[in-house]
Amino acid sequence: MTTVLTPASPLTAADRCDRCGAQAYLRVVLASGGELLFCAHHGRKFEPELKKIAAEIQDETDRLTAVPASTEDEER
């Protein structure tokens, strides 16, 4: 039997941190089968512990510093 992991869908503004309710930028799929969502702050805070129990970590914190494509060069 082959197990195929399907790519996780991108996180949206509707995805909220399980700790504080802020927008989630990290999805942690647990080895036990559950899922947790964290904002960047709580993702960094709990990172060492999460790495021990995670099957997969989807990190989209790079979106926090991304410059929109429509931004004028002098605004960058």
PDB file of N, CA and C in Angstrom:
ATOM      1  N   MET A   1       0.835  -1.170   0.000  1.00  0.00           N
ATOM      2  CA  MET A   1       0.000   0.000   0.000  1.00  0.00           C
ATOM      3  C   MET A   1       0.885   1.241   0.000  1.00  0.00           C
ATOM      4  N   THR A   2       0.577   2.193  -0.867  1.00  0.00           N
ATOM      5  CA  THR A   2       1.329   3.433  -0.966  1.00  0.00           C
ATOM      6  C   THR A   2       0.497   4.578  -0.412  1.00  0.00           C
ATOM      7  N   THR A   3       1.092   5.362   0.456  1.00  0.00           N
ATOM      8  CA  THR A   3       0.410   6.529   0.999  1.00  0.00           C
ATOM      9  C   THR A   3       0.870   7.753   0.239  1.00  0.00           C
ATOM     10  N   VAL A   4      -0.082   8.512  -0.285  1.00  0.00           N
ATOM     11  CA  VAL A   4       0.233   9.719  -1.028  1.00  0.00           C
ATOM     12  C   VAL A   4      -0.293  10.908  -0.242  1.00  0.00           C
ATOM     13  N   LEU A   5       0.596  11.843   0.052  1.00  0.00           N
ATOM     14  CA  LEU A   5       0.173  13.059   0.721  1.00  0.00           C
ATOM     15  C   LEU A   5      -0.245  14.074  -0.324  1.00  0.00           C
ATOM     16  N   THR A   6      -1.450  14.567  -0.222  1.00  0.00           N
ATOM     17  CA  THR A   6      -1.902  15.587  -1.152  1.00  0.00           C
ATOM     18  C   THR A   6      -1.443  16.943  -0.636  1.00  0.00           C
ATOM     19  N   PRO A   7      -1.078  17.840  -1.536  1.00  0.00           N
ATOM     20  CA  PRO A   7      -0.622  19.145  -1.081  1.00  0.00           C
ATOM     21  C   PRO A   7      -1.735  19.869  -0.320  1.00  0.00           C
ATOM     22  N   ALA A   8      -1.369  20.521   0.759  1.00  0.00           N
ATOM     23  CA  ALA A   8      -2.348  21.269   1.543  1.00  0.00           C
ATOM     24  C   ALA A   8      -2.746  22.525   0.782  1.00  0.00           C
ATOM     25  N   SER A   9      -3.982  22.923   0.952  1.00  0.00           N
ATOM     26  CA  SER A   9      -4.437  24.145   0.302  1.00  0.00           C
ATOM     27  C   SER A   9      -3.811  25.350   1.004  1.00  0.00           C
ATOM     28  N   PRO A  10      -3.628  26.447   0.281  1.00  0.00           N
ATOM     29  CA  PRO A  10      -3.039  27.638   0.906  1.00  0.00           C
ATOM     30  C   PRO A  10      -3.917  28.139   2.052  1.00  0.00           C
ATOM     31  N   LEU A  11      -3.285  28.704   3.048  1.00  0.00           N
ATOM     32  CA  LEU A  11      -4.027  29.283   4.165  1.00  0.00           C
ATOM     33  C   LEU A  11      -4.677  30.589   3.711  1.00  0.00           C
ATOM     34  N   THR A  12      -5.849  30.880   4.247  1.00  0.00           N
ATOM     35  CA  THR A  12      -6.576  32.096   3.883  1.00  0.00           C
ATOM     36  C   THR A  12      -6.819  32.948   5.125  1.00  0.00           C
ATOM     37  N   ALA A  13      -7.406  34.113   4.935  1.00  0.00           N
ATOM     38  CA  ALA A  13      -7.727  34.997   6.058  1.00  0.00           C
ATOM     39  C   ALA A  13      -8.742  34.356   6.999  1.00  0.00           C
ATOM     40  N   ALA A  14      -9.467  33.375   6.526  1.00  0.00           N
ATOM     41  CA  ALA A  14     -10.447  32.680   7.371  1.00  0.00           C
ATOM     42  C   ALA A  14      -9.783  31.680   8.318  1.00  0.00           C
ATOM     43  N   ASP A  15      -8.538  31.295   8.037  1.00  0.00           N
ATOM     44  CA  ASP A  15      -7.807  30.361   8.903  1.00  0.00           C
ATOM     45  C   ASP A  15      -7.221  31.147  10.069  1.00  0.00           C
ATOM     46  N   ARG A  16      -7.582  30.768  11.285  1.00  0.00           N
ATOM     47  CA  ARG A  16      -7.206  31.516  12.480  1.00  0.00           C
ATOM     48  C   ARG A  16      -6.311  30.697  13.401  1.00  0.00           C
ATOM     49  N   CYS A  17      -5.433  31.379  14.101  1.00  0.00           N
ATOM     50  CA  CYS A  17      -4.517  30.754  15.057  1.00  0.00           C
ATOM     51  C   CYS A  17      -5.312  30.085  16.171  1.00  0.00           C
ATOM     52  N   ASP A  18      -4.982  28.837  16.459  1.00  0.00           N
ATOM     53  CA  ASP A  18      -5.659  28.102  17.528  1.00  0.00           C
ATOM     54  C   ASP A  18      -5.310  28.650  18.908  1.00  0.00           C
ATOM     55  N   ARG A  19      -4.282  29.435  19.016  1.00  0.00           N
ATOM     56  CA  ARG A  19      -3.859  29.971  20.316  1.00  0.00           C
ATOM     57  C   ARG A  19      -4.469  31.336  20.606  1.00  0.00           C
ATOM     58  N   CYS A  20      -4.474  32.251  19.595  1.00  0.00           N
ATOM     59  CA  CYS A  20      -4.909  33.628  19.870  1.00  0.00           C
ATOM     60  C   CYS A  20      -5.982  34.164  18.934  1.00  0.00           C
ATOM     61  N   GLY A  21      -6.275  33.466  17.858  1.00  0.00           N
ATOM     62  CA  GLY A  21      -7.313  33.917  16.938  1.00  0.00           C
ATOM     63  C   GLY A  21      -6.835  34.830  15.823  1.00  0.00           C
ATOM     64  N   ALA A  22      -5.547  35.167  15.785  1.00  0.00           N
ATOM     65  CA  ALA A  22      -5.001  35.980  14.693  1.00  0.00           C
ATOM     66  C   ALA A  22      -4.958  35.139  13.414  1.00  0.00           C
ATOM     67  N   GLN A  23      -4.691  35.783  12.283  1.00  0.00           N
ATOM     68  CA  GLN A  23      -4.613  35.041  11.026  1.00  0.00           C
ATOM     69  C   GLN A  23      -3.498  34.008  11.104  1.00  0.00           C
ATOM     70  N   ALA A  24      -3.795  32.805  10.656  1.00  0.00           N
ATOM     71  CA  ALA A  24      -2.825  31.708  10.693  1.00  0.00           C
ATOM     72  C   ALA A  24      -1.918  31.748   9.470  1.00  0.00           C
ATOM     73  N   TYR A  25      -0.636  31.522   9.709  1.00  0.00           N
ATOM     74  CA  TYR A  25       0.356  31.425   8.642  1.00  0.00           C
ATOM     75  C   TYR A  25       1.116  30.106   8.703  1.00  0.00           C
ATOM     76  N   LEU A  26       0.788  29.263   9.680  1.00  0.00           N
ATOM     77  CA  LEU A  26       1.396  27.936   9.789  1.00  0.00           C
ATOM     78  C   LEU A  26       0.317  26.899  10.024  1.00  0.00           C
ATOM     79  N   ARG A  27       0.391  25.820   9.267  1.00  0.00           N
ATOM     80  CA  ARG A  27      -0.484  24.660   9.474  1.00  0.00           C
ATOM     81  C   ARG A  27       0.416  23.512   9.894  1.00  0.00           C
ATOM     82  N   VAL A  28       0.089  22.899  11.014  1.00  0.00           N
ATOM     83  CA  VAL A  28       0.866  21.779  11.526  1.00  0.00           C
ATOM     84  C   VAL A  28      -0.010  20.541  11.475  1.00  0.00           C
ATOM     85  N   VAL A  29       0.385  19.577  10.652  1.00  0.00           N
ATOM     86  CA  VAL A  29      -0.320  18.300  10.582  1.00  0.00           C
ATOM     87  C   VAL A  29       0.393  17.375  11.555  1.00  0.00           C
ATOM     88  N   LEU A  30      -0.345  16.911  12.537  1.00  0.00           N
ATOM     89  CA  LEU A  30       0.240  16.081  13.587  1.00  0.00           C
ATOM     90  C   LEU A  30       0.394  14.638  13.142  1.00  0.00           C
ATOM     91  N   ALA A  31       1.400  13.980  13.661  1.00  0.00           N
ATOM     92  CA  ALA A  31       1.619  12.566  13.356  1.00  0.00           C
ATOM     93  C   ALA A  31       0.423  11.732  13.795  1.00  0.00           C
ATOM     94  N   SER A  32      -0.293  12.197  14.811  1.00  0.00           N
ATOM     95  CA  SER A  32      -1.469  11.476  15.312  1.00  0.00           C
ATOM     96  C   SER A  32      -2.700  11.687  14.443  1.00  0.00           C
ATOM     97  N   GLY A  33      -2.604  12.587  13.453  1.00  0.00           N
ATOM     98  CA  GLY A  33      -3.701  12.794  12.524  1.00  0.00           C
ATOM     99  C   GLY A  33      -4.444  14.096  12.673  1.00  0.00           C
ATOM    100  N   GLY A  34      -4.185  14.861  13.702  1.00  0.00           N
ATOM    101  CA  GLY A  34      -4.864  16.139  13.890  1.00  0.00           C
ATOM    102  C   GLY A  34      -4.180  17.255  13.118  1.00  0.00           C
ATOM    103  N   GLU A  35      -4.707  18.452  13.271  1.00  0.00           N
ATOM    104  CA  GLU A  35      -4.160  19.620  12.592  1.00  0.00           C
ATOM    105  C   GLU A  35      -4.259  20.821  13.523  1.00  0.00           C
ATOM    106  N   LEU A  36      -3.216  21.635  13.549  1.00  0.00           N
ATOM    107  CA  LEU A  36      -3.204  22.861  14.333  1.00  0.00           C
ATOM    108  C   LEU A  36      -2.828  24.019  13.423  1.00  0.00           C
ATOM    109  N   LEU A  37      -3.389  25.202  13.697  1.00  0.00           N
ATOM    110  CA  LEU A  37      -3.070  26.410  12.952  1.00  0.00           C
ATOM    111  C   LEU A  37      -2.482  27.430  13.917  1.00  0.00           C
ATOM    112  N   PHE A  38      -1.441  28.144  13.453  1.00  0.00           N
ATOM    113  CA  PHE A  38      -0.803  29.140  14.307  1.00  0.00           C
ATOM    114  C   PHE A  38      -0.468  30.394  13.523  1.00  0.00           C
ATOM    115  N   CYS A  39      -0.529  31.541  14.219  1.00  0.00           N
ATOM    116  CA  CYS A  39      -0.013  32.786  13.659  1.00  0.00           C
ATOM    117  C   CYS A  39       1.518  32.668  13.653  1.00  0.00           C
ATOM    118  N   ALA A  40       2.193  33.619  13.037  1.00  0.00           N
ATOM    119  CA  ALA A  40       3.656  33.554  12.971  1.00  0.00           C
ATOM    120  C   ALA A  40       4.275  33.605  14.366  1.00  0.00           C
ATOM    121  N   HIS A  41       3.737  34.459  15.231  1.00  0.00           N
ATOM    122  CA  HIS A  41       4.279  34.601  16.586  1.00  0.00           C
ATOM    123  C   HIS A  41       4.216  33.287  17.357  1.00  0.00           C
ATOM    124  N   HIS A  42       3.054  32.667  17.394  1.00  0.00           N
ATOM    125  CA  HIS A  42       2.914  31.428  18.158  1.00  0.00           C
ATOM    126  C   HIS A  42       3.587  30.248  17.449  1.00  0.00           C
ATOM    127  N   GLY A  43       3.668  30.290  16.137  1.00  0.00           N
ATOM    128  CA  GLY A  43       4.408  29.258  15.415  1.00  0.00           C
ATOM    129  C   GLY A  43       5.874  29.253  15.815  1.00  0.00           C
ATOM    130  N   ARG A  44       6.470  30.466  15.905  1.00  0.00           N
ATOM    131  CA  ARG A  44       7.872  30.570  16.337  1.00  0.00           C
ATOM    132  C   ARG A  44       8.024  30.149  17.798  1.00  0.00           C
ATOM    133  N   LYS A  45       7.073  30.563  18.627  1.00  0.00           N
ATOM    134  CA  LYS A  45       7.152  30.262  20.059  1.00  0.00           C
ATOM    135  C   LYS A  45       7.131  28.759  20.333  1.00  0.00           C
ATOM    136  N   PHE A  46       6.268  28.045  19.613  1.00  0.00           N
ATOM    137  CA  PHE A  46       6.088  26.614  19.861  1.00  0.00           C
ATOM    138  C   PHE A  46       6.855  25.718  18.895  1.00  0.00           C
ATOM    139  N   GLU A  47       7.675  26.314  18.012  1.00  0.00           N
ATOM    140  CA  GLU A  47       8.362  25.547  16.969  1.00  0.00           C
ATOM    141  C   GLU A  47       9.128  24.321  17.476  1.00  0.00           C
ATOM    142  N   PRO A  48       9.945  24.435  18.516  1.00  0.00           N
ATOM    143  CA  PRO A  48      10.699  23.244  18.955  1.00  0.00           C
ATOM    144  C   PRO A  48       9.792  22.065  19.324  1.00  0.00           C
ATOM    145  N   GLU A  49       8.708  22.350  20.037  1.00  0.00           N
ATOM    146  CA  GLU A  49       7.790  21.284  20.441  1.00  0.00           C
ATOM    147  C   GLU A  49       6.999  20.749  19.251  1.00  0.00           C
ATOM    148  N   LEU A  50       6.610  21.649  18.353  1.00  0.00           N
ATOM    149  CA  LEU A  50       5.825  21.229  17.190  1.00  0.00           C
ATOM    150  C   LEU A  50       6.625  20.303  16.281  1.00  0.00           C
ATOM    151  N   LYS A  51       7.907  20.586  16.110  1.00  0.00           N
ATOM    152  CA  LYS A  51       8.743  19.741  15.253  1.00  0.00           C
ATOM    153  C   LYS A  51       8.808  18.303  15.762  1.00  0.00           C
ATOM    154  N   LYS A  52       8.668  18.121  17.062  1.00  0.00           N
ATOM    155  CA  LYS A  52       8.719  16.779  17.649  1.00  0.00           C
ATOM    156  C   LYS A  52       7.470  15.958  17.348  1.00  0.00           C
ATOM    157  N   ILE A  53       6.325  16.621  17.160  1.00  0.00           N
ATOM    158  CA  ILE A  53       5.054  15.896  17.006  1.00  0.00           C
ATOM    159  C   ILE A  53       4.429  16.057  15.626  1.00  0.00           C
ATOM    160  N   ALA A  54       5.062  16.828  14.749  1.00  0.00           N
ATOM    161  CA  ALA A  54       4.477  17.123  13.444  1.00  0.00           C
ATOM    162  C   ALA A  54       4.867  16.101  12.384  1.00  0.00           C
ATOM    163  N   ALA A  55       3.899  15.743  11.560  1.00  0.00           N
ATOM    164  CA  ALA A  55       4.176  14.948  10.371  1.00  0.00           C
ATOM    165  C   ALA A  55       4.553  15.891   9.232  1.00  0.00           C
ATOM    166  N   GLU A  56       3.996  17.109   9.278  1.00  0.00           N
ATOM    167  CA  GLU A  56       4.241  18.105   8.234  1.00  0.00           C
ATOM    168  C   GLU A  56       3.971  19.489   8.808  1.00  0.00           C
ATOM    169  N   ILE A  57       4.779  20.467   8.400  1.00  0.00           N
ATOM    170  CA  ILE A  57       4.545  21.858   8.781  1.00  0.00           C
ATOM    171  C   ILE A  57       4.488  22.683   7.503  1.00  0.00           C
ATOM    172  N   GLN A  58       3.367  23.340   7.300  1.00  0.00           N
ATOM    173  CA  GLN A  58       3.177  24.222   6.149  1.00  0.00           C
ATOM    174  C   GLN A  58       3.406  25.649   6.649  1.00  0.00           C
ATOM    175  N   ASP A  59       4.506  26.255   6.239  1.00  0.00           N
ATOM    176  CA  ASP A  59       4.903  27.577   6.726  1.00  0.00           C
ATOM    177  C   ASP A  59       4.708  28.608   5.619  1.00  0.00           C
ATOM    178  N   GLU A  60       3.777  29.526   5.820  1.00  0.00           N
ATOM    179  CA  GLU A  60       3.513  30.583   4.845  1.00  0.00           C
ATOM    180  C   GLU A  60       3.865  31.957   5.413  1.00  0.00           C
ATOM    181  N   THR A  61       4.767  32.003   6.388  1.00  0.00           N
ATOM    182  CA  THR A  61       5.122  33.280   7.001  1.00  0.00           C
ATOM    183  C   THR A  61       5.842  34.215   6.028  1.00  0.00           C
ATOM    184  N   ASP A  62       6.376  33.685   4.942  1.00  0.00           N
ATOM    185  CA  ASP A  62       7.024  34.541   3.942  1.00  0.00           C
ATOM    186  C   ASP A  62       6.029  35.510   3.315  1.00  0.00           C
ATOM    187  N   ARG A  63       4.740  35.192   3.371  1.00  0.00           N
ATOM    188  CA  ARG A  63       3.709  36.085   2.833  1.00  0.00           C
ATOM    189  C   ARG A  63       3.620  37.386   3.631  1.00  0.00           C
ATOM    190  N   LEU A  64       4.118  37.382   4.853  1.00  0.00           N
ATOM    191  CA  LEU A  64       4.061  38.589   5.686  1.00  0.00           C
ATOM    192  C   LEU A  64       4.986  39.683   5.176  1.00  0.00           C
ATOM    193  N   THR A  65       6.045  39.322   4.475  1.00  0.00           N
ATOM    194  CA  THR A  65       7.002  40.304   3.967  1.00  0.00           C
ATOM    195  C   THR A  65       6.981  40.410   2.451  1.00  0.00           C
ATOM    196  N   ALA A  66       6.092  39.700   1.801  1.00  0.00           N
ATOM    197  CA  ALA A  66       6.019  39.735   0.340  1.00  0.00           C
ATOM    198  C   ALA A  66       5.497  41.096  -0.125  1.00  0.00           C
ATOM    199  N   VAL A  67       6.072  41.599  -1.212  1.00  0.00           N
ATOM    200  CA  VAL A  67       5.636  42.858  -1.801  1.00  0.00           C
ATOM    201  C   VAL A  67       4.633  42.535  -2.896  1.00  0.00           C
ATOM    202  N   PRO A  68       3.439  43.115  -2.847  1.00  0.00           N
ATOM    203  CA  PRO A  68       2.444  42.837  -3.888  1.00  0.00           C
ATOM    204  C   PRO A  68       2.973  43.199  -5.272  1.00  0.00           C
ATOM    205  N   ALA A  69       2.602  42.426  -6.264  1.00  0.00           N
ATOM    206  CA  ALA A  69       3.070  42.646  -7.633  1.00  0.00           C
ATOM    207  C   ALA A  69       2.628  43.999  -8.163  1.00  0.00           C
ATOM    208  N   SER A  70       1.535  44.543  -7.659  1.00  0.00           N
ATOM    209  CA  SER A  70       1.017  45.814  -8.159  1.00  0.00           C
ATOM    210  C   SER A  70       1.679  47.031  -7.507  1.00  0.00           C
ATOM    211  N   THR A  71       2.614  46.828  -6.597  1.00  0.00           N
ATOM    212  CA  THR A  71       3.285  47.930  -5.909  1.00  0.00           C
ATOM    213  C   THR A  71       4.262  48.620  -6.857  1.00  0.00           C
ATOM    214  N   GLU A  72       4.209  49.950  -6.877  1.00  0.00           N
ATOM    215  CA  GLU A  72       5.125  50.729  -7.708  1.00  0.00           C
ATOM    216  C   GLU A  72       6.550  50.563  -7.191  1.00  0.00           C
ATOM    217  N   ASP A  73       7.541  50.623  -8.097  1.00  0.00           N
ATOM    218  CA  ASP A  73       8.939  50.442  -7.711  1.00  0.00           C
ATOM    219  C   ASP A  73       9.371  51.406  -6.605  1.00  0.00           C
ATOM    220  N   GLU A  74       8.927  52.678  -6.679  1.00  0.00           N
ATOM    221  CA  GLU A  74       9.361  53.635  -5.662  1.00  0.00           C
ATOM    222  C   GLU A  74       8.721  53.376  -4.295  1.00  0.00           C
ATOM    223  N   GLU A  75       7.686  52.534  -4.229  1.00  0.00           N
ATOM    224  CA  GLU A  75       7.047  52.187  -2.961  1.00  0.00           C
ATOM    225  C   GLU A  75       7.701  50.981  -2.304  1.00  0.00           C
ATOM    226  N   ARG A  76       8.567  50.279  -3.003  1.00  0.00           N
ATOM    227  CA  ARG A  76       9.187  49.054  -2.484  1.00  0.00           C
ATOM    228  C   ARG A  76      10.286  49.338  -1.522  1.00  0.00           C
TER     229      ARG A  76
END
